Structures are given as structure tokens and as C-alpha cells.
Amino acid sequence: MKIMVISPHPDDETLGCGATLLKHKNKKDKIFWLNITFAGPKSGYSYKFAKKREIEIQKVRNAYKFNGYSNLHFPTKFLDQIPKSNLIESFNLYINKIKPEKIFIPSESDIHTDHKIVFSICHNYTKSFRYPFIKQILAYETISETNFNFSKKNTFCPNVFEDITNFLNKKLKIMKIYKSELKKHPFPRSLDSLKSLAILRGSQSGFKYAEAFELIKEIK
């Protein structure tokens, strides 16, 4: 099976479904990563930071042993200034090249504008007549984005749970690679927060640790 994770920013793939990706890889599935933005000079970040981030991404790619990777390099925080047609075309080039059967996408509930835009583009993949190879679409939760939406009308409501008991430790180890994104509790992107969320989702599903998702569409 071909599995693809689509992340607005590097680290979303690990925060949202890192352990599940490792589980798929362990089952000999092929896993692919499409990252949409990059924090470089166009986004107000220094060349030094951008170079450091490239090194982190390469280490993360190696840790997961992805079968394929692409970074569209749109500027972080400025997706709302990119014509939607340009985004769709760029997404589709990689999607149609890989033809994944299962994709993980950010949640519609996320408060970050980049996340919301990526979700809106990915929602096109529910169209079976255009993407017949996609059989399942799952939205993941990104701690520090999904959990800060306090709207009563649009909150993350998981209905799919993945047992990650054997893969959580490696997920946390990979997350440590993102040194610029990870801080100590009570900062939301902390190892304590990630483990606590895995415990909570595990308690909801009968596992020691779990990752949770919203099922957007499934074809059997």
C-alpha cells in the first residue's frame, strides 16, 4: 500500500501521525511525504535558520526511511497570498505521480491559516472521479494548532484510532530532531504534551498509546 502524509510545515507530519507512519513502514507499506512550505528568507527567517531546517528535514527523512519526499517550498505563513490554482497544480503533480491509496492531511479545525488552506486543497481529493486511486483520507491533529481551536462549531472529533504503543518512543525520538520547534512543558510542542496526548487517545480507544484521526472518506 502507498501511504502519503501532507504537511503544511516540517514537523506536522511527526506531530500528527508520526507513529502511524512508522507502523505502516514496519508493515512494509511504502510511505511518502509531501511538505508544502519552507521557513526561509521569503518568510522572514534567516539563511542560517533555513540551512539548519534543511538539515533537520534530511535527518527526519532518514529516520522514517520515506520512499519518496517532495517540498513545494511555498513560504511559511504566506499560503493565503498564493493563488489557489497554483497550489492545486503543485499538489496534484506529486499526488498524481505517486498515486497514494491512503493520505493523511491536516485538520480543518486547525487555527493556523496555512493548515486551513492545505486542508481546503486536500479536500479536492475526495473526488473519486479525479483521484480513483485514493481509497482513504484521514485528518490528523497537530498539537499547538488543533488543540487551540476553542470554537464550539468546528472542533476536532476523532473517530479513528491507531494503536501506536510500539512506535511512540521512536516518534518522540524523531521529534527531538526539530530542535527549533520543541520546547519544555507547558509549551504545547513538548515531549510531555505529545506523550500525554497519546495517553489520552489511548484511554479513549483501549490502547496504552494511540494517535487519533477524523475519517474524511473511505472507499472499500
Protein backbone atom coordinates (compact mmCIF):
# COMPACT_ATOMS: atom_id res chain seq x y z
CA MET A 1 0.00 0.00 0.00
CA LYS A 2 1.16 3.54 -0.72
CA ILE A 3 0.68 5.96 2.17
CA MET A 4 1.18 9.72 1.91
CA VAL A 5 1.29 12.39 4.59
CA ILE A 6 0.74 16.00 3.52
CA SER A 7 2.17 18.52 5.97
CA PRO A 8 1.81 22.30 5.86
CA HIS A 9 5.16 22.62 7.68
CA PRO A 10 8.03 20.30 8.55
CA ASP A 11 7.16 18.72 11.94
CA ASP A 12 3.40 18.47 11.28
CA GLU A 13 3.96 15.00 9.80
CA THR A 14 5.54 13.82 13.04
CA LEU A 15 3.20 15.65 15.41
CA GLY A 16 0.10 14.43 13.61
CA CYS A 17 0.78 10.88 12.52
CA GLY A 18 4.45 10.08 13.04
CA ALA A 19 3.92 6.84 14.92
CA THR A 20 1.27 5.66 12.47
CA LEU A 21 3.68 6.27 9.59
CA LEU A 22 6.30 4.19 11.40
CA LYS A 23 3.72 1.46 11.89
CA HIS A 24 2.92 1.44 8.17
CA LYS A 25 6.62 1.29 7.34
CA ASN A 26 7.01 -1.63 9.73
CA LYS A 27 4.29 -3.44 7.76
CA LYS A 28 6.32 -2.91 4.56
CA ASP A 29 3.95 -0.28 3.21
CA LYS A 30 5.53 2.48 1.13
CA ILE A 31 5.37 5.89 2.80
CA PHE A 32 5.68 9.28 1.09
CA TRP A 33 5.93 12.82 2.43
CA LEU A 34 4.67 15.94 0.69
CA ASN A 35 5.64 19.09 2.59
CA ILE A 36 4.10 22.35 1.43
CA THR A 37 6.03 25.27 2.96
CA PHE A 38 9.54 26.16 4.00
CA ALA A 39 10.73 28.69 6.57
CA GLY A 40 13.34 30.60 4.57
CA PRO A 41 14.18 34.24 3.80
CA LYS A 42 10.89 34.70 1.90
CA SER A 43 9.09 34.03 5.18
CA GLY A 44 11.31 36.32 7.23
CA TYR A 45 13.69 33.64 8.51
CA SER A 46 17.46 33.86 8.21
CA TYR A 47 19.57 31.85 5.79
CA LYS A 48 21.20 30.27 8.83
CA PHE A 49 17.83 29.08 10.14
CA ALA A 50 16.82 27.81 6.69
CA LYS A 51 20.02 25.78 6.36
CA LYS A 52 19.54 24.33 9.82
CA ARG A 53 15.97 23.37 8.95
CA GLU A 54 17.10 21.62 5.75
CA ILE A 55 19.48 19.51 7.82
CA GLU A 56 16.69 18.66 10.26
CA ILE A 57 14.38 17.63 7.41
CA GLN A 58 17.02 15.36 5.93
CA LYS A 59 17.54 13.66 9.29
CA VAL A 60 13.79 13.19 9.68
CA ARG A 61 13.53 11.72 6.18
CA ASN A 62 16.27 9.25 7.02
CA ALA A 63 14.65 8.32 10.34
CA TYR A 64 11.35 7.40 8.69
CA LYS A 65 13.02 5.89 5.62
CA PHE A 66 10.47 7.54 3.36
CA ASN A 67 10.09 6.04 -0.09
CA GLY A 68 9.64 9.50 -1.54
CA TYR A 69 9.70 13.13 -0.48
CA SER A 70 8.89 16.49 -2.03
CA ASN A 71 8.99 20.00 -0.58
CA LEU A 72 6.98 22.56 -2.57
CA HIS A 73 8.87 25.39 -0.79
CA PHE A 74 5.98 27.82 -0.63
CA PRO A 75 6.76 30.50 2.01
CA THR A 76 5.64 29.66 5.53
CA LYS A 77 2.79 31.86 6.83
CA PHE A 78 2.01 33.22 3.36
CA LEU A 79 -0.05 30.50 1.68
CA ASP A 80 -3.03 32.86 1.73
CA GLN A 81 -1.13 35.07 -0.73
CA ILE A 82 -0.56 32.26 -3.26
CA PRO A 83 -3.23 31.82 -5.97
CA LYS A 84 -5.22 28.72 -5.13
CA SER A 85 -4.87 27.43 -8.68
CA ASN A 86 -1.07 27.45 -8.29
CA LEU A 87 -1.32 25.47 -5.06
CA ILE A 88 -3.68 22.91 -6.56
CA GLU A 89 -1.44 22.41 -9.58
CA SER A 90 1.66 21.92 -7.41
CA PHE A 91 -0.11 19.47 -5.09
CA ASN A 92 -1.50 17.49 -7.98
CA LEU A 93 1.85 16.99 -9.69
CA TYR A 94 3.08 14.96 -6.74
CA ILE A 95 -0.23 13.27 -5.93
CA ASN A 96 -0.67 12.04 -9.50
CA LYS A 97 2.95 10.94 -9.66
CA ILE A 98 2.74 8.78 -6.52
CA LYS A 99 -0.95 7.79 -6.65
CA PRO A 100 -1.28 7.05 -2.93
CA GLU A 101 -4.09 4.85 -1.70
CA LYS A 102 -4.24 6.48 1.72
CA ILE A 103 -3.45 10.07 2.65
CA PHE A 104 -3.08 11.93 5.93
CA ILE A 105 -3.96 15.62 5.88
CA PRO A 106 -4.17 18.43 8.48
CA SER A 107 -7.45 19.01 10.26
CA GLU A 108 -9.97 21.59 9.16
CA SER A 109 -10.12 22.58 12.84
CA ASP A 110 -6.54 23.90 12.95
CA ILE A 111 -6.19 27.60 13.72
CA HIS A 112 -3.10 28.18 11.55
CA THR A 113 -4.03 29.72 8.18
CA ASP A 114 -1.52 27.53 6.33
CA HIS A 115 -3.18 24.43 7.80
CA LYS A 116 -6.66 25.58 6.82
CA ILE A 117 -5.56 26.27 3.25
CA VAL A 118 -3.81 22.91 2.91
CA PHE A 119 -6.95 21.18 4.18
CA SER A 120 -9.10 23.05 1.66
CA ILE A 121 -6.82 21.95 -1.20
CA CYS A 122 -6.71 18.36 0.05
CA HIS A 123 -10.49 18.25 0.27
CA ASN A 124 -10.43 18.04 -3.52
CA TYR A 125 -9.06 14.51 -3.14
CA THR A 126 -12.48 13.29 -2.04
CA LYS A 127 -13.44 13.44 -5.74
CA SER A 128 -13.21 9.80 -6.76
CA PHE A 129 -13.73 10.56 -10.44
CA ARG A 130 -10.49 12.57 -10.46
CA TYR A 131 -8.46 10.60 -7.92
CA PRO A 132 -9.75 7.00 -8.15
CA PHE A 133 -6.58 5.63 -6.55
CA ILE A 134 -7.24 7.36 -3.18
CA LYS A 135 -9.27 4.99 -1.02
CA GLN A 136 -8.96 6.61 2.41
CA ILE A 137 -8.44 10.16 3.68
CA LEU A 138 -7.69 10.82 7.34
CA ALA A 139 -7.23 14.18 9.06
CA TYR A 140 -4.66 14.28 11.85
CA GLU A 141 -4.43 16.58 14.86
CA THR A 142 -1.44 18.87 15.19
CA ILE A 143 -0.76 19.73 18.80
CA SER A 144 -0.29 23.54 19.14
CA GLU A 145 -2.75 24.13 16.27
CA THR A 146 -5.70 21.72 16.51
CA ASN A 147 -5.98 21.93 20.29
CA PHE A 148 -6.07 25.75 20.34
CA ASN A 149 -9.33 25.98 18.44
CA PHE A 150 -11.92 26.88 21.06
CA SER A 151 -14.81 27.22 18.62
CA LYS A 152 -17.82 25.10 19.56
CA LYS A 153 -18.79 24.72 15.92
CA ASN A 154 -15.56 23.40 14.47
CA THR A 155 -13.54 21.18 16.79
CA PHE A 156 -11.51 18.04 16.14
CA CYS A 157 -13.74 14.99 16.66
CA PRO A 158 -11.70 11.81 16.13
CA ASN A 159 -13.43 8.64 15.02
CA VAL A 160 -10.40 6.54 14.03
CA PHE A 161 -7.73 5.45 16.50
CA GLU A 162 -4.41 3.79 15.75
CA ASP A 163 -2.56 1.73 18.36
CA ILE A 164 0.96 3.22 18.47
CA THR A 165 2.17 1.55 21.65
CA ASN A 166 5.20 0.03 19.93
CA PHE A 167 6.07 3.19 17.99
CA LEU A 168 5.59 6.16 20.33
CA ASN A 169 9.17 6.18 21.63
CA LYS A 170 10.59 6.39 18.12
CA LYS A 171 8.13 9.16 17.24
CA LEU A 172 9.36 11.17 20.24
CA LYS A 173 12.96 10.49 19.25
CA ILE A 174 12.29 11.83 15.74
CA MET A 175 10.52 14.88 17.13
CA LYS A 176 13.70 15.73 19.05
CA ILE A 177 15.37 16.37 15.69
CA TYR A 178 13.26 19.53 15.34
CA LYS A 179 15.22 21.40 18.00
CA SER A 180 13.86 24.80 16.97
CA GLU A 181 10.25 23.62 17.33
CA LEU A 182 10.46 21.58 20.51
CA LYS A 183 10.47 23.17 23.97
CA LYS A 184 9.75 22.14 27.53
CA HIS A 185 6.28 21.90 29.07
CA PRO A 186 4.00 23.87 29.23
CA PHE A 187 4.92 24.83 25.65
CA PRO A 188 2.46 22.81 23.52
CA ARG A 189 5.10 21.26 21.26
CA SER A 190 6.82 19.39 24.06
CA LEU A 191 7.56 15.71 24.55
CA ASP A 192 5.32 15.80 27.63
CA SER A 193 2.41 17.10 25.56
CA LEU A 194 2.91 14.52 22.82
CA LYS A 195 3.07 11.64 25.25
CA SER A 196 0.09 12.95 27.23
CA LEU A 197 -1.98 13.20 24.06
CA ALA A 198 -1.02 9.63 23.14
CA ILE A 199 -2.13 8.50 26.61
CA LEU A 200 -5.44 10.36 26.29
CA ARG A 201 -6.19 8.92 22.85
CA GLY A 202 -5.16 5.52 24.13
CA SER A 203 -7.63 5.79 27.01
CA GLN A 204 -10.38 6.59 24.50
CA SER A 205 -9.62 3.54 22.39
CA GLY A 206 -8.40 0.87 24.78
CA PHE A 207 -4.71 1.09 23.91
CA LYS A 208 -1.74 2.15 26.00
CA TYR A 209 -0.90 4.86 23.43
CA ALA A 210 -2.79 5.95 20.33
CA GLU A 211 -2.96 8.54 17.56
CA ALA A 212 -6.40 9.82 16.60
CA PHE A 213 -7.86 10.87 13.27
CA GLU A 214 -11.01 12.13 11.63
CA LEU A 215 -12.14 9.90 8.79
CA ILE A 216 -12.91 12.19 5.85
CA LYS A 217 -13.65 9.50 3.29
CA GLU A 218 -13.18 5.77 2.84
CA ILE A 219 -13.87 3.53 -0.13
CA LYS A 220 -13.91 -0.24 0.33
